[in-house]
Protein backbone atom coordinates (compact mmCIF):
# COMPACT_ATOMS: atom_id res chain seq x y z
CA MET A 1 -13.26 30.17 21.82
CA ASP A 2 -16.03 27.87 22.98
CA THR A 3 -13.80 26.27 25.59
CA ASP A 4 -13.24 29.66 27.27
CA SER A 5 -16.95 30.17 27.62
CA ILE A 6 -17.41 26.69 29.04
CA HIS A 7 -14.63 27.14 31.61
CA SER A 8 -15.98 30.55 32.61
CA GLY A 9 -19.41 29.00 33.07
CA TYR A 10 -17.99 26.30 35.28
CA SER A 11 -16.11 28.84 37.43
CA HIS A 12 -19.27 30.94 37.69
CA HIS A 13 -21.32 27.97 38.87
CA SER A 14 -18.66 26.95 41.38
CA ASN A 15 -19.25 30.15 43.41
CA ARG A 16 -22.88 29.34 44.05
CA SER A 17 -24.45 27.22 46.78
CA ARG A 18 -25.14 23.50 46.65
CA GLY A 19 -28.85 23.93 46.03
CA SER A 20 -28.34 26.19 43.05
CA ASN A 21 -25.71 23.75 41.72
CA LYS A 22 -28.15 20.86 41.90
CA GLN A 23 -30.87 22.86 40.14
CA SER A 24 -28.48 23.95 37.44
CA GLU A 25 -27.28 20.37 36.98
CA ARG A 26 -30.86 19.14 36.62
CA SER A 27 -31.73 21.88 34.18
CA SER A 28 -28.55 21.31 32.15
CA ARG A 29 -29.22 17.55 32.13
CA ASP A 30 -32.76 18.15 30.89
CA ARG A 31 -31.51 20.53 28.26
CA HIS A 32 -28.85 18.11 26.98
CA LYS A 33 -31.03 14.99 26.88
CA PRO A 34 -32.63 15.59 23.47
CA HIS A 35 -29.30 16.78 22.10
CA SER A 36 -27.54 13.54 23.08
CA ARG A 37 -30.39 11.52 21.70
CA ASP A 38 -30.14 13.36 18.43
CA SER A 39 -26.36 12.91 18.29
CA SER A 40 -26.67 9.18 18.95
CA SER A 41 -29.20 8.81 16.19
CA ARG A 42 -26.86 10.60 13.81
CA SER A 43 -23.90 8.44 14.76
CA ASP A 44 -25.85 5.24 14.08
CA LYS A 45 -26.09 6.15 10.39
CA ASN A 46 -22.34 6.57 9.96
CA VAL A 47 -20.18 3.81 8.49
CA THR A 48 -16.57 3.39 9.63
CA ILE A 49 -14.06 1.28 7.69
CA SER A 50 -10.74 0.62 9.44
CA ALA A 51 -7.58 -1.05 8.09
CA THR A 52 -5.58 -3.71 9.90
CA SER A 53 -2.56 -1.57 10.62
CA VAL A 54 -4.54 1.44 11.84
CA GLN A 55 -6.65 1.81 14.93
CA PRO A 56 -10.39 2.22 14.32
CA GLN A 57 -11.09 5.83 13.55
CA GLN A 58 -14.35 7.69 13.58
CA PRO A 59 -13.96 10.51 11.13
CA ASP A 60 -17.59 10.39 10.08
CA GLN A 61 -19.16 10.53 13.53
CA SER A 62 -18.34 14.20 13.78
CA SER A 63 -18.40 15.01 10.09
CA ALA A 64 -21.56 17.04 10.22
CA PRO A 65 -20.60 19.30 13.15
CA THR A 66 -16.97 19.65 12.17
CA ASP A 67 -17.85 20.73 8.66
CA ALA A 68 -20.09 23.40 10.10
CA GLN A 69 -17.36 24.55 12.44
CA ASP A 70 -14.72 24.43 9.71
CA ASP A 71 -16.65 26.97 7.68
CA ASN A 72 -16.43 29.45 10.56
CA TRP A 73 -12.90 28.73 11.74
CA GLY A 74 -11.38 31.05 9.16
CA GLU A 75 -13.55 33.95 10.43
CA THR A 76 -13.23 33.31 14.18
CA THR A 77 -9.44 32.76 14.30
CA THR A 78 -6.65 35.24 13.76
CA ALA A 79 -4.96 35.13 10.38
CA VAL A 80 -1.37 33.93 10.72
CA THR A 81 1.33 35.67 8.72
CA GLY A 82 5.06 35.13 8.54
CA THR A 83 5.73 37.47 11.48
CA SER A 84 2.70 36.67 13.68
CA ASP A 85 2.60 34.44 16.73
CA HIS A 86 1.63 30.77 16.79
CA SER A 87 -2.09 30.19 16.48
CA LEU A 88 -2.16 26.72 18.05
CA SER A 89 -1.24 25.73 21.55
CA GLN A 90 1.07 22.87 22.42
CA GLU A 91 -1.90 20.81 23.64
CA ASP A 92 -3.58 21.15 20.24
CA LEU A 93 -0.36 20.14 18.49
CA ALA A 94 0.08 17.17 20.78
CA GLY A 95 -3.33 15.85 19.80
CA PHE A 96 -2.84 16.49 16.07
CA GLY A 97 -2.70 13.15 14.25
CA LYS A 98 -2.67 11.02 17.40
CA ASP A 99 -5.54 8.89 16.19
CA THR A 100 -3.42 7.69 13.28
CA GLU A 101 -1.04 5.71 15.43
CA GLY A 102 -1.74 1.99 15.19
CA PRO A 103 -0.44 -1.07 16.96
CA VAL A 104 2.89 -2.39 15.80
CA GLU A 105 2.67 -5.96 14.58
CA LYS A 106 5.14 -8.48 15.83
CA LEU A 107 7.58 -10.03 13.42
CA ASN A 108 6.81 -13.53 12.34
CA CYS A 109 9.85 -15.73 12.81
CA ILE A 110 8.50 -18.40 10.47
CA ARG A 111 9.36 -16.28 7.45
CA PHE A 112 13.07 -16.73 8.24
CA LEU A 113 12.81 -20.52 8.00
CA PRO A 114 13.58 -20.72 4.22
CA LEU A 115 16.62 -18.51 4.75
CA ALA A 116 17.85 -20.77 7.57
CA LEU A 117 17.42 -23.88 5.40
CA THR A 118 19.30 -22.17 2.56
CA LEU A 119 22.17 -21.30 4.90
CA LEU A 120 22.31 -24.88 6.17
CA LEU A 121 22.39 -26.29 2.64
CA GLY A 122 25.04 -23.76 1.59
CA LEU A 123 27.20 -24.73 4.55
CA LEU A 124 26.90 -28.39 3.58
CA VAL A 125 27.87 -27.57 -0.02
CA LEU A 126 30.96 -25.66 1.17
CA VAL A 127 32.09 -28.29 3.69
CA THR A 128 31.70 -31.40 1.47
CA PRO A 129 34.59 -30.76 -1.02
CA LEU A 130 36.89 -29.72 1.82
CA SER A 131 36.00 -32.89 3.72
CA PHE A 132 36.96 -35.00 0.71
CA LEU A 133 40.44 -33.43 0.87
CA ILE A 134 40.93 -33.46 4.65
CA LEU A 135 39.63 -36.94 5.62
CA PRO A 136 42.32 -38.94 3.71
CA GLN A 137 45.02 -36.73 5.24
CA LEU A 138 43.71 -37.54 8.73
CA MET A 139 42.89 -41.25 8.36
CA TRP A 140 45.79 -42.75 6.27
CA PRO A 141 48.40 -40.06 5.64
CA GLU A 142 51.32 -42.54 5.43
CA ARG A 143 49.81 -44.41 2.46
CA LEU A 144 49.01 -41.35 0.31
CA GLN A 145 51.14 -40.58 -2.70
CA THR A 146 52.91 -37.28 -2.95
CA CYS A 147 51.01 -34.44 -4.62
CA GLY A 148 52.84 -33.25 -7.74
CA THR A 149 52.51 -30.19 -9.92
CA ALA A 150 49.23 -31.34 -11.52
CA CYS A 151 47.75 -31.99 -8.08
CA GLU A 152 48.74 -28.53 -6.84
CA GLY A 153 47.14 -27.01 -9.96
CA LEU A 154 43.93 -28.83 -9.06
CA PHE A 155 44.13 -27.31 -5.58
CA LEU A 156 44.31 -23.83 -7.09
CA SER A 157 41.40 -24.54 -9.44
CA LEU A 158 39.31 -25.94 -6.59
CA ALA A 159 39.94 -22.89 -4.40
CA PHE A 160 38.85 -20.39 -7.07
CA LYS A 161 35.80 -22.47 -8.05
CA LEU A 162 34.69 -22.65 -4.42
CA LEU A 163 35.12 -18.88 -4.10
CA ILE A 164 33.06 -18.27 -7.27
CA LEU A 165 30.39 -20.70 -6.08
CA LEU A 166 30.24 -19.00 -2.69
CA LEU A 167 29.81 -15.52 -4.18
CA ALA A 168 27.25 -16.69 -6.76
CA GLY A 169 25.21 -18.53 -4.13
CA TRP A 170 25.27 -15.49 -1.87
CA ALA A 171 24.08 -13.22 -4.69
CA LEU A 172 21.22 -15.54 -5.72
CA PHE A 173 19.98 -17.18 -2.53
CA MET A 174 21.04 -14.91 0.35
CA ARG A 175 18.68 -12.08 -0.52
CA PRO A 176 16.15 -11.02 2.15
CA THR A 177 12.73 -12.62 1.83
CA ARG A 178 10.17 -10.26 0.36
CA ALA A 179 7.09 -12.27 1.34
CA SER A 180 5.88 -15.49 2.90
CA LEU A 181 4.19 -17.63 0.25
CA PRO A 182 1.28 -19.95 1.13
CA ARG A 183 2.86 -22.96 -0.60
CA ILE A 184 6.38 -24.09 -1.20
CA ALA A 185 8.22 -22.67 -4.21
CA VAL A 186 8.42 -25.54 -6.70
CA PHE A 187 11.62 -24.57 -8.50
CA ARG A 188 13.49 -23.73 -5.30
CA ALA A 189 12.44 -27.03 -3.75
CA LEU A 190 13.48 -28.85 -6.92
CA LEU A 191 16.91 -27.21 -6.89
CA GLY A 192 17.39 -27.96 -3.20
CA LEU A 193 16.39 -31.59 -3.70
CA LEU A 194 18.72 -31.91 -6.69
CA THR A 195 21.60 -30.47 -4.65
CA LEU A 196 20.94 -32.84 -1.75
CA LEU A 197 20.75 -35.81 -4.16
CA LEU A 198 24.07 -34.80 -5.73
CA LEU A 199 25.80 -34.46 -2.34
CA LEU A 200 24.37 -37.75 -1.12
CA SER A 201 25.53 -39.62 -4.22
CA TYR A 202 29.05 -38.15 -3.93
CA TRP A 203 29.22 -39.04 -0.23
CA LEU A 204 28.12 -42.60 -0.98
CA PHE A 205 30.70 -42.94 -3.72
CA PHE A 206 33.38 -41.44 -1.45
CA GLY A 207 32.54 -43.81 1.40
CA VAL A 208 32.43 -46.96 -0.73
CA ARG A 209 35.30 -46.40 -3.19
CA ILE A 210 37.72 -44.25 -1.17
CA LEU A 211 37.15 -44.65 2.59
CA ASP A 212 36.65 -48.42 2.57
CA SER A 213 39.58 -49.16 0.26
CA GLN A 214 41.76 -46.33 1.62
CA ASP A 215 42.82 -45.26 -1.86
CA ASP A 216 46.38 -43.92 -1.96
CA ASN A 217 45.97 -41.88 -5.18
CA TYR A 218 45.58 -38.44 -3.66
CA GLN A 219 45.53 -36.73 -7.05
CA GLY A 220 42.46 -38.78 -7.99
CA ILE A 221 40.77 -37.75 -4.72
CA VAL A 222 41.44 -34.11 -5.50
CA GLN A 223 40.07 -34.59 -9.02
CA PHE A 224 36.96 -36.18 -7.46
CA ALA A 225 36.42 -33.07 -5.28
CA VAL A 226 36.91 -30.78 -8.28
CA SER A 227 34.26 -32.70 -10.24
CA LEU A 228 31.81 -32.15 -7.34
CA VAL A 229 32.41 -28.40 -7.43
CA ASP A 230 31.91 -28.39 -11.22
CA ALA A 231 28.56 -30.15 -10.80
CA LEU A 232 27.53 -27.61 -8.14
CA LEU A 233 28.41 -24.76 -10.50
CA PHE A 234 26.17 -26.27 -13.20
CA ILE A 235 23.32 -26.56 -10.67
CA HIS A 236 23.78 -22.88 -9.86
CA TYR A 237 23.56 -22.06 -13.58
CA LEU A 238 20.32 -24.06 -13.73
CA ALA A 239 19.01 -22.05 -10.76
CA VAL A 240 19.74 -18.78 -12.55
CA VAL A 241 17.84 -19.98 -15.63
CA LEU A 242 14.80 -21.24 -13.71
CA LEU A 243 14.52 -18.49 -11.12
CA GLU A 244 15.69 -15.37 -12.93
CA ILE A 245 15.56 -15.82 -16.74
CA ARG A 246 12.61 -18.08 -17.49
CA HIS A 247 9.89 -15.56 -16.57
CA LEU A 248 11.45 -12.52 -18.26
CA GLN A 249 9.66 -12.97 -21.58
CA PRO A 250 6.07 -11.64 -21.16
CA CYS A 251 3.37 -14.16 -21.97
CA PHE A 252 0.29 -12.95 -20.08
CA SER A 253 -1.47 -9.63 -19.53
CA LEU A 254 -2.95 -9.35 -16.03
CA CYS A 255 -5.75 -6.92 -15.19
CA VAL A 256 -5.82 -5.88 -11.51
CA VAL A 257 -8.96 -4.15 -10.16
CA ARG A 258 -9.41 -2.86 -6.62
CA SER A 259 -12.84 -3.86 -5.39
CA THR A 260 -13.72 -0.70 -3.46
CA ASP A 261 -13.02 2.17 -5.87
CA GLY A 262 -12.42 0.24 -9.11
CA GLU A 263 -8.89 1.52 -9.73
CA THR A 264 -7.40 -0.64 -12.51
CA HIS A 265 -3.87 -1.37 -13.68
CA HIS A 266 -2.47 -3.80 -16.27
CA TYR A 267 0.80 -5.73 -16.04
CA ASN A 268 2.64 -8.05 -18.43
CA MET A 269 4.19 -11.16 -16.89
CA GLY A 270 5.98 -14.27 -18.00
CA GLN A 271 5.59 -17.91 -17.07
CA LEU A 272 4.96 -17.74 -13.34
CA SER A 273 2.94 -19.69 -10.84
CA ILE A 274 -0.17 -18.11 -9.37
CA GLN A 275 1.43 -17.39 -6.01
CA ARG A 276 4.52 -15.80 -7.57
CA ALA A 277 2.30 -13.73 -9.89
CA ALA A 278 0.35 -12.60 -6.82
CA LEU A 279 3.61 -11.58 -5.17
CA VAL A 280 4.65 -9.52 -8.21
CA ILE A 281 1.20 -7.88 -8.30
CA LEU A 282 1.46 -6.88 -4.64
CA GLU A 283 4.89 -5.36 -5.26
CA HIS A 284 3.42 -3.29 -8.11
CA TYR A 285 0.36 -2.45 -6.00
CA TYR A 286 2.35 -0.63 -3.33
CA LYS A 287 4.11 1.33 -6.07
CA ASP A 288 1.40 2.09 -8.65
CA PHE A 289 -1.94 2.19 -6.81
CA THR A 290 -2.90 5.27 -4.84
CA VAL A 291 -3.30 4.86 -1.10
CA HIS A 292 -6.59 3.24 -0.14
CA ASN A 293 -8.80 5.74 1.68
CA PRO A 294 -11.86 4.04 3.21
CA ALA A 295 -13.19 7.37 4.49
CA LEU A 296 -14.06 8.41 0.92
CA LEU A 297 -16.49 5.49 0.64
CA THR A 298 -18.59 6.42 3.67
CA ALA A 299 -20.30 9.32 1.90
CA ALA A 300 -21.64 7.07 -0.86
CA LYS A 301 -22.77 4.44 1.65
CA SER A 302 -24.59 6.94 3.85
CA ARG A 303 -26.24 8.43 0.77
CA ALA A 304 -27.38 4.96 -0.37
CA ALA A 305 -28.69 4.13 3.12
CA LYS A 306 -30.67 7.38 3.22
CA HIS A 307 -32.09 6.66 -0.21
CA LEU A 308 -33.12 3.11 0.76
CA ALA A 309 -34.73 4.38 3.96
CA GLY A 310 -37.22 6.36 1.91
CA LEU A 311 -38.37 3.35 -0.13
CA LYS A 312 -41.38 1.28 0.93
CA VAL A 313 -41.33 -2.54 0.77
CA TYR A 314 -44.61 -4.11 -0.33
CA ASN A 315 -45.82 -7.55 0.66
CA VAL A 316 -46.71 -9.86 -2.23
CA ASP A 317 -49.39 -11.72 -0.28
CA GLU A 318 -51.01 -8.47 0.75
CA PHE A 319 -50.97 -7.37 -2.88
CA LYS A 320 -52.71 -10.59 -3.90
CA ALA A 321 -55.36 -10.10 -1.23
CA LYS A 322 -55.97 -6.55 -2.38
CA LEU A 323 -56.19 -7.73 -5.99
CA LYS A 324 -58.77 -10.39 -5.05
CA SER A 325 -60.84 -7.86 -3.10
CA TYR A 326 -60.60 -5.51 -6.04
CA LEU A 327 -61.98 -8.15 -8.41
CA PHE A 328 -64.88 -9.12 -6.18
CA ASP A 329 -65.59 -5.81 -4.46
CA CYS A 330 -64.37 -3.05 -6.69
CA ALA A 331 -66.27 -0.23 -5.01
CA GLY A 332 -64.95 -0.91 -1.50
CA SER A 333 -61.29 -0.93 -2.46
CA ASP A 334 -61.08 2.25 -4.54
CA ALA A 335 -59.74 4.28 -1.63
CA ALA A 336 -57.03 1.75 -0.74
CA THR A 337 -55.97 1.46 -4.36
CA ALA A 338 -55.73 5.23 -4.75
CA GLN A 339 -53.68 5.49 -1.55
CA SER A 340 -51.21 2.81 -2.72
CA ARG A 341 -50.88 4.50 -6.09
CA ALA A 342 -50.14 7.82 -4.39
CA LYS A 343 -47.41 6.21 -2.26
CA MET A 344 -45.83 4.60 -5.31
CA ALA A 345 -45.89 7.91 -7.18
CA ALA A 346 -44.26 9.71 -4.22
CA ALA A 347 -41.52 7.07 -4.03
CA ALA A 348 -40.93 7.38 -7.78
CA ARG A 349 -40.63 11.17 -7.49
CA GLN A 350 -38.15 10.73 -4.63
CA ARG A 351 -36.06 8.39 -6.74
CA ASP A 352 -36.11 10.85 -9.63
CA THR A 353 -34.74 13.69 -7.47
CA SER A 354 -31.94 11.65 -5.85
CA HIS A 355 -29.50 12.55 -8.62
CA ASN A 356 -30.07 16.24 -7.90
CA GLU A 357 -29.10 15.69 -4.27
CA LEU A 358 -25.95 13.88 -5.37
CA TYR A 359 -25.07 16.70 -7.78
CA TYR A 360 -25.44 19.43 -5.18
CA GLU A 361 -23.60 17.43 -2.52
CA GLU A 362 -20.61 16.95 -4.82
CA ALA A 363 -20.68 20.59 -5.88
CA GLU A 364 -20.73 21.73 -2.24
CA HIS A 365 -17.88 19.37 -1.37
CA ASP A 366 -15.79 20.63 -4.30
CA ARG A 367 -16.42 24.21 -3.24
CA ARG A 368 -15.36 23.46 0.32
CA VAL A 369 -12.21 21.67 -0.88
CA ARG A 370 -11.22 24.62 -3.09
CA LYS A 371 -11.80 26.99 -0.19
CA ARG A 372 -9.66 24.92 2.19
CA LYS A 373 -6.96 24.52 -0.47
CA ALA A 374 -6.75 28.26 -1.06
CA ARG A 375 -6.37 28.94 2.67
CA LEU A 376 -3.74 26.22 2.97
CA VAL A 377 -1.70 27.54 0.03
CA VAL A 378 -1.71 31.05 1.48
CA ALA A 379 -0.71 29.82 4.96
CA VAL A 380 2.14 27.68 3.61
CA GLU A 381 3.47 30.48 1.41
CA GLU A 382 3.48 32.88 4.36
CA ALA A 383 5.24 30.29 6.52
CA PHE A 384 7.94 29.72 3.91
CA THR A 385 8.35 33.48 3.52
CA HIS A 386 8.94 33.65 7.26
CA VAL A 387 11.53 30.86 6.93
CA ARG A 388 13.43 32.79 4.25
CA ARG A 389 13.37 35.86 6.47
CA LEU A 390 14.74 33.80 9.34
CA GLN A 391 17.46 32.36 7.11
CA ASP A 392 18.54 35.85 6.11
CA GLU A 393 18.71 36.81 9.77
CA GLU A 394 20.63 33.65 10.68
CA LYS A 395 23.37 34.52 8.21
CA LYS A 396 24.14 37.63 10.23
CA LYS A 397 24.46 35.70 13.50
CA PRO A 398 27.60 33.89 14.76
CA PRO A 399 28.06 30.29 13.58
CA GLY A 400 27.06 28.80 16.94
CA ASP A 401 23.62 30.53 17.06
CA GLU A 402 22.20 29.13 13.82
CA MET A 403 18.81 27.37 13.91
CA ASP A 404 18.51 23.72 13.00
CA PRO A 405 16.05 22.82 10.16
CA ARG A 406 14.09 20.67 12.60
CA GLU A 407 13.76 23.60 15.00
CA ALA A 408 12.72 25.87 12.13
CA ALA A 409 10.04 23.37 11.08
CA GLN A 410 8.70 23.17 14.63
CA ALA A 411 8.68 26.97 14.82
CA ILE A 412 6.62 27.59 11.67
CA PHE A 413 4.43 24.49 11.80
CA PRO A 414 1.77 26.01 14.13
CA SER A 415 1.17 28.81 11.62
CA MET A 416 0.00 26.33 8.99
CA ALA A 417 -1.25 23.48 11.19
CA ARG A 418 -4.84 24.69 11.44
CA ALA A 419 -5.30 25.21 7.70
CA LEU A 420 -3.61 21.90 6.94
CA GLN A 421 -5.67 20.03 9.50
CA LYS A 422 -8.95 21.43 8.17
CA TYR A 423 -7.95 20.58 4.59
CA LEU A 424 -7.02 17.02 5.53
CA ARG A 425 -10.32 16.59 7.36
CA THR A 426 -12.29 17.95 4.43
CA THR A 427 -10.55 15.63 1.97
CA ARG A 428 -10.64 12.77 4.54
CA GLN A 429 -6.87 12.28 4.59
CA GLN A 430 -6.30 12.89 8.30
CA HIS A 431 -5.58 9.19 8.96
CA CYS A 432 -2.75 9.20 6.38
CA HIS A 433 -0.62 11.97 7.89
CA SER A 434 0.51 12.38 11.48
CA MET A 435 2.00 15.48 13.06
CA ASP A 436 5.48 13.93 13.27
CA SER A 437 5.47 12.94 9.61
CA ILE A 438 4.34 16.42 8.54
CA GLN A 439 7.04 18.09 10.61
CA ALA A 440 9.67 15.69 9.24
CA HIS A 441 8.55 16.46 5.67
CA LEU A 442 8.62 20.18 6.42
CA ALA A 443 12.16 19.92 7.81
CA PHE A 444 13.19 17.94 4.72
CA CYS A 445 11.81 20.68 2.44
CA ILE A 446 13.56 23.40 4.43
CA THR A 447 16.86 21.52 4.37
CA ASN A 448 16.77 21.05 0.59
CA ASN A 449 15.46 24.58 -0.10
CA MET A 450 12.20 23.42 -1.68
CA THR A 451 9.30 25.65 -2.65
CA PRO A 452 5.88 25.73 -0.93
CA LYS A 453 4.39 23.94 -3.93
CA ALA A 454 6.82 21.04 -3.46
CA PHE A 455 5.82 20.80 0.19
CA LEU A 456 2.09 20.81 -0.57
CA GLU A 457 2.28 18.23 -3.35
CA SER A 458 2.29 15.36 -0.82
CA TYR A 459 -1.05 16.53 0.63
CA LEU A 460 -2.85 17.89 -2.42
CA THR A 461 -2.34 14.75 -4.49
CA ALA A 462 -2.77 11.19 -3.21
CA GLY A 463 0.48 9.29 -3.58
CA PRO A 464 1.25 5.57 -3.85
CA THR A 465 0.74 3.33 -0.84
CA LEU A 466 4.46 2.77 -0.28
CA GLN A 467 5.10 6.49 0.32
CA TYR A 468 3.31 6.34 3.65
CA GLY A 469 5.46 5.12 6.52
CA ARG A 470 2.56 3.29 8.13
CA GLU A 471 2.42 0.79 5.26
CA SER A 472 6.15 0.36 4.64
CA SER A 473 7.19 -0.31 8.25
CA GLN A 474 4.66 -3.01 9.06
CA THR A 475 3.81 -6.45 7.78
CA ARG A 476 0.60 -6.53 5.74
CA HIS A 477 -1.38 -9.75 5.64
CA TRP A 478 -2.99 -10.82 2.36
CA THR A 479 -5.08 -13.88 1.52
CA LEU A 480 -4.78 -15.54 -1.88
CA VAL A 481 -8.08 -17.02 -3.09
CA SER A 482 -7.93 -19.19 -6.21
CA GLU A 483 -9.92 -22.12 -7.58
CA ALA A 484 -6.79 -23.59 -9.14
CA SER A 485 -3.75 -24.63 -7.15
CA VAL A 486 -1.53 -21.68 -6.29
CA THR A 487 1.53 -23.62 -7.46
CA SER A 488 0.06 -24.17 -10.93
CA PRO A 489 1.27 -21.88 -13.74
CA LEU A 490 -0.74 -19.00 -15.16
CA ARG A 491 -3.10 -19.81 -18.00
CA ASN A 492 -5.43 -17.92 -20.27
CA GLY A 493 -8.50 -16.94 -18.24
CA SER A 494 -7.01 -17.60 -14.82
CA GLU A 495 -8.77 -15.67 -12.05
CA PHE A 496 -7.77 -15.16 -8.43
CA GLN A 497 -8.21 -12.64 -5.64
CA LEU A 498 -5.89 -11.02 -3.14
CA LYS A 499 -7.97 -10.20 -0.07
CA SER A 500 -7.04 -7.70 2.58
CA SER A 501 -8.97 -6.70 5.68
CA ASP A 502 -11.02 -3.97 3.99
CA PHE A 503 -10.71 -4.55 0.24
CA SER A 504 -9.54 -7.07 -2.35
CA LEU A 505 -7.65 -7.10 -5.64
CA VAL A 506 -9.37 -9.07 -8.40
CA VAL A 507 -6.92 -10.40 -11.02
CA THR A 508 -7.73 -11.86 -14.43
CA SER A 509 -5.13 -13.06 -16.93
CA LYS A 510 -5.21 -13.16 -20.72
CA THR A 511 -2.62 -14.58 -23.07
CA ILE A 512 -0.70 -12.09 -25.18
CA PRO A 513 -1.53 -12.95 -28.81
CA HIS A 514 1.09 -14.22 -31.19
CA LEU A 515 2.34 -11.35 -33.29
CA LYS A 516 3.14 -11.94 -36.93
CA LEU A 517 5.11 -9.27 -38.76
CA SER A 518 5.30 -9.16 -42.54
CA GLU A 519 7.69 -7.16 -44.65
CA GLU A 520 6.73 -4.98 -47.56
CA TYR A 521 9.59 -3.80 -49.75
CA VAL A 522 9.44 -0.22 -50.97
CA HIS A 523 11.68 0.58 -53.93
CA PRO A 524 13.82 3.66 -53.29
CA LYS A 525 12.75 5.28 -56.59
CA SER A 526 9.04 4.48 -56.33
CA HIS A 527 8.18 7.67 -54.45
CA LYS A 528 10.09 10.00 -56.81
CA PHE A 529 8.38 12.06 -59.51
CA VAL A 530 9.32 14.59 -62.21
CA LEU A 531 7.67 17.98 -62.42
CA GLN A 532 7.43 19.18 -66.05
CA LEU A 533 6.65 22.83 -66.65
CA GLN A 534 5.32 24.13 -70.00
CA SER A 535 7.07 27.04 -71.66
CA GLU A 536 3.77 28.95 -72.07
CA THR A 537 3.22 29.09 -68.34
CA SER A 538 2.78 32.68 -67.21
CA VAL A 539 5.06 34.00 -64.49
């Protein structure tokens, strides 16, 4: 290894005198000066794109040297089989995937405010009918009439209606909040205002007609409380229609395009506001779109920057001056004109050959990916073969000496870690998978007796964004940009954007056309025919 040679060099220099150490330091500093200058110039051309929930990574700053080293790693390291020793040290494993850990965002307590208001309103709805029944019993019990059979039946009806209302309200309104919307939800606010208006009107009627006069008809008071619960049940039915049923019929087709790589998906939606449509699109985004990999975009950007660096920018004023001198003094400007024409021809030839460079770069990258994939498949198959051998040996041991799947995953992970790490670096997926997540996935595959192909599928094919723990465990901030009000309903031609820190989703809506179906009757005997054969037909 290179590190062994470096350490041996340091130990060799440490046995010398101070004067020789100083001379060696000067010579080494002089030797490394142009190298550092070259490396800094290379790093200035790299482009790094980092997401909000991930710490800034620099996969491209060492892309050129690591690719060169990756090609030789397979020849300089020992091939790992199912019975060989671990090829990576614990220090290497400790540093594997550490750069993928990002800061944990703090929970925003403001998002629980709608839930708190809903709980407060639900408590007021539950307490109001009971207060109508308890207050007369506490304030003028001696004047109340006795409650007969009809009154007791109303008590039973009121109890069951309150129980049904409590369960229905819990099922509809007590669900955890999926997102924090920029504006207030119109229908929810309307339902809350209608409920408050209903409770206020009943309290006013109860205070004026019952409390002030101290009505002694207790059966009428109970009937008044039952009518309040009936009205609340109808409001809950209206909430179900507005919040859950109204938008089920699809009316619009929304086209969602990711701005960086152009990945496109289409969704059908009903009558929703812009902010609610944006919320539905984000829910589908984490399920349908592949994970956003900004490292794949750096190659195209560096290639475009290198192409633009070879182009020459001409000054218009200088061109006019040269044209004027050419008109008045044609003989003196022939050399300058020929030189400019030669530069333009060279730039045109460079532009014509840029597609060849792109073709060979992509071909070389595909070859390297296939090479890394083949090595990874072989390493994983050997590791799983070793696991099966260990499982056969564990069956012969006593029950107390069996190996846990987590321990088995940690035992065989070093045999495939190098090939997996090089493949992830080549395909620029190293920021998506950490060492802990890979070991957990390996233990899961061992526990459920999965094949090596099932284990590799998570790394060979990019999955949806929600499958990565980094996205599902943290709050992601999005910005809704729209010319129209976000509370306005969707219309034909509506356009809005959902901006994240490193990309955006561009959404356009179109109305689903009205479909007209016509019926054409086909007679059952219209498709029948009779085949007549002549007697002279030869057999």
